[in-house]
Amino acid sequence: MVTFDIIIREKEGLDANSAADISREAERYVSSVMIGHEDISLNARSLMGMLALKAGKGDTLHVVIEGPDEKLAAEGIRRLLDEELA
């Protein structure tokens, strides 16, 4: 299992474009990719789930990745989150 946190620094927060990019990236891997905010943790493959997090600037996202390609998935998801939100 790989876990990490990221603080959203982008002024729009987790918007529809970022959520769609995250969902597409998560679909590339076999591993489970869960992203949480506050008391909610959702499957990153779900675009509606990502939008339901309602994460804004200054919020922290907690990422949990588990499965056979978890290290590769963590690299890809972390890189994307850094590009989109940090």
N, C-alpha and C. Protein backbone atom coordinates (compact mmCIF):
# COMPACT_ATOMS: atom_id res chain seq x y z
N MET A 1 0.85 -1.18 0.00
CA MET A 1 0.00 0.00 0.00
C MET A 1 0.89 1.24 0.00
N VAL A 2 0.52 2.22 -0.82
CA VAL A 2 1.22 3.50 -0.89
C VAL A 2 0.22 4.58 -0.50
N THR A 3 0.62 5.44 0.41
CA THR A 3 -0.24 6.57 0.81
C THR A 3 0.55 7.86 0.76
N PHE A 4 -0.13 8.95 0.44
CA PHE A 4 0.48 10.27 0.50
C PHE A 4 -0.62 11.32 0.54
N ASP A 5 -0.25 12.50 0.96
CA ASP A 5 -1.17 13.64 1.02
C ASP A 5 -0.68 14.72 0.08
N ILE A 6 -1.62 15.50 -0.42
CA ILE A 6 -1.28 16.66 -1.24
C ILE A 6 -2.19 17.81 -0.83
N ILE A 7 -1.61 18.98 -0.70
CA ILE A 7 -2.38 20.19 -0.38
C ILE A 7 -2.70 20.90 -1.69
N ILE A 8 -3.97 21.22 -1.88
CA ILE A 8 -4.41 21.90 -3.10
C ILE A 8 -4.01 23.37 -3.02
N ARG A 9 -3.23 23.79 -3.98
CA ARG A 9 -2.80 25.19 -4.03
C ARG A 9 -3.43 25.94 -5.21
N GLU A 10 -4.02 25.20 -6.13
CA GLU A 10 -4.68 25.80 -7.29
C GLU A 10 -5.93 26.54 -6.83
N LYS A 11 -6.12 27.77 -7.28
CA LYS A 11 -7.22 28.60 -6.77
C LYS A 11 -8.60 28.02 -7.10
N GLU A 12 -8.73 27.26 -8.21
CA GLU A 12 -10.03 26.67 -8.55
C GLU A 12 -10.31 25.41 -7.75
N GLY A 13 -9.30 24.89 -7.06
CA GLY A 13 -9.48 23.67 -6.29
C GLY A 13 -9.62 22.48 -7.22
N LEU A 14 -10.30 21.45 -6.77
CA LEU A 14 -10.52 20.25 -7.57
C LEU A 14 -11.73 20.49 -8.46
N ASP A 15 -11.48 21.03 -9.65
CA ASP A 15 -12.58 21.36 -10.57
C ASP A 15 -12.85 20.19 -11.51
N ALA A 16 -13.81 20.36 -12.41
CA ALA A 16 -14.23 19.27 -13.31
C ALA A 16 -13.09 18.80 -14.20
N ASN A 17 -12.29 19.71 -14.71
CA ASN A 17 -11.18 19.30 -15.60
C ASN A 17 -10.15 18.47 -14.84
N SER A 18 -9.79 18.92 -13.66
CA SER A 18 -8.82 18.18 -12.85
C SER A 18 -9.38 16.82 -12.44
N ALA A 19 -10.64 16.80 -12.06
CA ALA A 19 -11.29 15.55 -11.66
C ALA A 19 -11.30 14.55 -12.82
N ALA A 20 -11.58 15.03 -14.03
CA ALA A 20 -11.60 14.15 -15.21
C ALA A 20 -10.20 13.61 -15.49
N ASP A 21 -9.19 14.46 -15.37
CA ASP A 21 -7.81 14.02 -15.58
C ASP A 21 -7.40 12.97 -14.56
N ILE A 22 -7.78 13.17 -13.31
CA ILE A 22 -7.46 12.21 -12.24
C ILE A 22 -8.15 10.88 -12.51
N SER A 23 -9.41 10.91 -12.89
CA SER A 23 -10.16 9.68 -13.18
C SER A 23 -9.53 8.91 -14.33
N ARG A 24 -9.15 9.63 -15.39
CA ARG A 24 -8.51 8.97 -16.53
C ARG A 24 -7.18 8.34 -16.13
N GLU A 25 -6.41 9.05 -15.33
CA GLU A 25 -5.12 8.51 -14.89
C GLU A 25 -5.32 7.27 -14.02
N ALA A 26 -6.27 7.31 -13.11
CA ALA A 26 -6.53 6.17 -12.23
C ALA A 26 -6.96 4.93 -13.02
N GLU A 27 -7.66 5.13 -14.11
CA GLU A 27 -8.12 4.02 -14.94
C GLU A 27 -6.98 3.29 -15.65
N ARG A 28 -5.82 3.91 -15.71
CA ARG A 28 -4.67 3.29 -16.38
C ARG A 28 -4.06 2.15 -15.57
N TYR A 29 -4.43 2.03 -14.30
CA TYR A 29 -3.76 1.08 -13.41
C TYR A 29 -4.73 0.01 -12.90
N VAL A 30 -4.16 -1.13 -12.57
CA VAL A 30 -4.94 -2.23 -11.98
C VAL A 30 -5.23 -1.93 -10.52
N SER A 31 -4.30 -1.28 -9.85
CA SER A 31 -4.42 -1.00 -8.42
C SER A 31 -5.62 -0.11 -8.11
N SER A 32 -6.12 -0.27 -6.91
CA SER A 32 -7.18 0.58 -6.39
C SER A 32 -6.58 1.94 -6.03
N VAL A 33 -7.23 3.01 -6.50
CA VAL A 33 -6.78 4.38 -6.18
C VAL A 33 -7.94 5.07 -5.47
N MET A 34 -7.76 5.32 -4.19
CA MET A 34 -8.78 6.00 -3.39
C MET A 34 -8.25 7.39 -3.01
N ILE A 35 -9.10 8.39 -3.15
CA ILE A 35 -8.73 9.75 -2.77
C ILE A 35 -9.76 10.24 -1.77
N GLY A 36 -9.26 10.78 -0.67
CA GLY A 36 -10.14 11.23 0.39
C GLY A 36 -9.92 12.70 0.74
N HIS A 37 -11.00 13.28 1.26
CA HIS A 37 -10.99 14.66 1.75
C HIS A 37 -11.95 14.70 2.92
N GLU A 38 -11.47 15.22 4.04
CA GLU A 38 -12.24 15.23 5.28
C GLU A 38 -12.66 13.79 5.61
N ASP A 39 -13.93 13.50 5.78
CA ASP A 39 -14.37 12.16 6.17
C ASP A 39 -14.82 11.30 4.99
N ILE A 40 -14.56 11.76 3.78
CA ILE A 40 -15.02 11.04 2.58
C ILE A 40 -13.81 10.46 1.85
N SER A 41 -13.90 9.21 1.45
CA SER A 41 -12.86 8.58 0.63
C SER A 41 -13.56 7.87 -0.52
N LEU A 42 -13.16 8.20 -1.75
CA LEU A 42 -13.86 7.69 -2.92
C LEU A 42 -12.89 7.12 -3.96
N ASN A 43 -13.41 6.26 -4.81
CA ASN A 43 -12.64 5.68 -5.89
C ASN A 43 -12.29 6.78 -6.88
N ALA A 44 -11.00 6.93 -7.17
CA ALA A 44 -10.54 7.99 -8.07
C ALA A 44 -10.99 7.77 -9.51
N ARG A 45 -11.43 6.57 -9.84
CA ARG A 45 -11.91 6.29 -11.20
C ARG A 45 -13.28 6.94 -11.46
N SER A 46 -13.94 7.35 -10.42
CA SER A 46 -15.27 7.93 -10.54
C SER A 46 -15.20 9.45 -10.65
N LEU A 47 -15.53 9.97 -11.82
CA LEU A 47 -15.52 11.42 -12.03
C LEU A 47 -16.49 12.10 -11.07
N MET A 48 -17.68 11.55 -10.94
CA MET A 48 -18.66 12.15 -10.03
C MET A 48 -18.18 12.08 -8.58
N GLY A 49 -17.49 11.00 -8.24
CA GLY A 49 -16.93 10.87 -6.91
C GLY A 49 -15.90 11.95 -6.63
N MET A 50 -15.04 12.19 -7.60
CA MET A 50 -14.01 13.22 -7.42
C MET A 50 -14.66 14.59 -7.21
N LEU A 51 -15.71 14.88 -7.98
CA LEU A 51 -16.40 16.15 -7.83
C LEU A 51 -17.13 16.24 -6.49
N ALA A 52 -17.61 15.10 -6.00
CA ALA A 52 -18.33 15.07 -4.73
C ALA A 52 -17.43 15.41 -3.55
N LEU A 53 -16.12 15.29 -3.72
CA LEU A 53 -15.21 15.63 -2.63
C LEU A 53 -15.27 17.12 -2.28
N LYS A 54 -15.63 17.94 -3.27
CA LYS A 54 -15.74 19.39 -3.07
C LYS A 54 -14.51 19.96 -2.37
N ALA A 55 -13.34 19.57 -2.88
CA ALA A 55 -12.07 20.02 -2.30
C ALA A 55 -11.65 21.33 -2.95
N GLY A 56 -11.32 22.31 -2.12
CA GLY A 56 -10.92 23.62 -2.61
C GLY A 56 -9.49 23.97 -2.23
N LYS A 57 -9.11 25.16 -2.61
CA LYS A 57 -7.76 25.64 -2.32
C LYS A 57 -7.49 25.56 -0.81
N GLY A 58 -6.33 25.02 -0.46
CA GLY A 58 -5.94 24.89 0.93
C GLY A 58 -6.35 23.57 1.57
N ASP A 59 -7.22 22.81 0.92
CA ASP A 59 -7.64 21.51 1.44
C ASP A 59 -6.58 20.45 1.16
N THR A 60 -6.57 19.42 1.98
CA THR A 60 -5.64 18.31 1.82
C THR A 60 -6.37 17.09 1.29
N LEU A 61 -5.80 16.49 0.25
CA LEU A 61 -6.31 15.23 -0.28
C LEU A 61 -5.42 14.10 0.22
N HIS A 62 -6.03 13.02 0.68
CA HIS A 62 -5.29 11.85 1.15
C HIS A 62 -5.47 10.74 0.10
N VAL A 63 -4.36 10.24 -0.41
CA VAL A 63 -4.38 9.24 -1.48
C VAL A 63 -3.90 7.90 -0.94
N VAL A 64 -4.66 6.84 -1.24
CA VAL A 64 -4.30 5.48 -0.86
C VAL A 64 -4.36 4.62 -2.12
N ILE A 65 -3.23 3.98 -2.45
CA ILE A 65 -3.15 3.15 -3.64
C ILE A 65 -2.70 1.76 -3.21
N GLU A 66 -3.45 0.75 -3.67
CA GLU A 66 -3.13 -0.62 -3.27
C GLU A 66 -3.37 -1.57 -4.43
N GLY A 67 -2.37 -2.38 -4.72
CA GLY A 67 -2.51 -3.37 -5.77
C GLY A 67 -1.17 -3.71 -6.40
N PRO A 68 -1.22 -4.53 -7.46
CA PRO A 68 0.01 -5.04 -8.04
C PRO A 68 0.91 -3.99 -8.70
N ASP A 69 0.33 -2.91 -9.18
CA ASP A 69 1.14 -1.85 -9.80
C ASP A 69 1.07 -0.55 -8.99
N GLU A 70 0.98 -0.69 -7.67
CA GLU A 70 0.77 0.48 -6.80
C GLU A 70 1.90 1.50 -6.88
N LYS A 71 3.12 1.06 -7.02
CA LYS A 71 4.23 2.03 -7.09
C LYS A 71 4.17 2.84 -8.38
N LEU A 72 3.90 2.18 -9.48
CA LEU A 72 3.75 2.88 -10.75
C LEU A 72 2.54 3.81 -10.71
N ALA A 73 1.45 3.33 -10.16
CA ALA A 73 0.24 4.16 -10.04
C ALA A 73 0.51 5.38 -9.15
N ALA A 74 1.22 5.17 -8.06
CA ALA A 74 1.51 6.29 -7.15
C ALA A 74 2.34 7.36 -7.86
N GLU A 75 3.31 6.93 -8.66
CA GLU A 75 4.12 7.90 -9.41
C GLU A 75 3.25 8.70 -10.37
N GLY A 76 2.39 8.01 -11.12
CA GLY A 76 1.54 8.68 -12.09
C GLY A 76 0.52 9.61 -11.44
N ILE A 77 -0.13 9.14 -10.39
CA ILE A 77 -1.14 9.95 -9.71
C ILE A 77 -0.50 11.14 -9.02
N ARG A 78 0.63 10.92 -8.35
CA ARG A 78 1.32 12.03 -7.67
C ARG A 78 1.77 13.08 -8.67
N ARG A 79 2.33 12.65 -9.79
CA ARG A 79 2.79 13.59 -10.81
C ARG A 79 1.60 14.42 -11.32
N LEU A 80 0.50 13.75 -11.61
CA LEU A 80 -0.68 14.46 -12.11
C LEU A 80 -1.23 15.44 -11.08
N LEU A 81 -1.33 15.00 -9.83
CA LEU A 81 -1.85 15.90 -8.79
C LEU A 81 -0.94 17.10 -8.60
N ASP A 82 0.37 16.87 -8.68
CA ASP A 82 1.30 17.99 -8.56
C ASP A 82 1.12 18.99 -9.70
N GLU A 83 0.90 18.46 -10.92
CA GLU A 83 0.70 19.33 -12.09
C GLU A 83 -0.63 20.07 -12.04
N GLU A 84 -1.68 19.37 -11.62
CA GLU A 84 -3.03 19.92 -11.67
C GLU A 84 -3.39 20.79 -10.46
N LEU A 85 -2.93 20.40 -9.28
CA LEU A 85 -3.46 21.01 -8.06
C LEU A 85 -2.43 21.71 -7.17
N ALA A 86 -1.18 21.36 -7.30
CA ALA A 86 -0.18 21.93 -6.38
C ALA A 86 0.51 23.15 -6.96
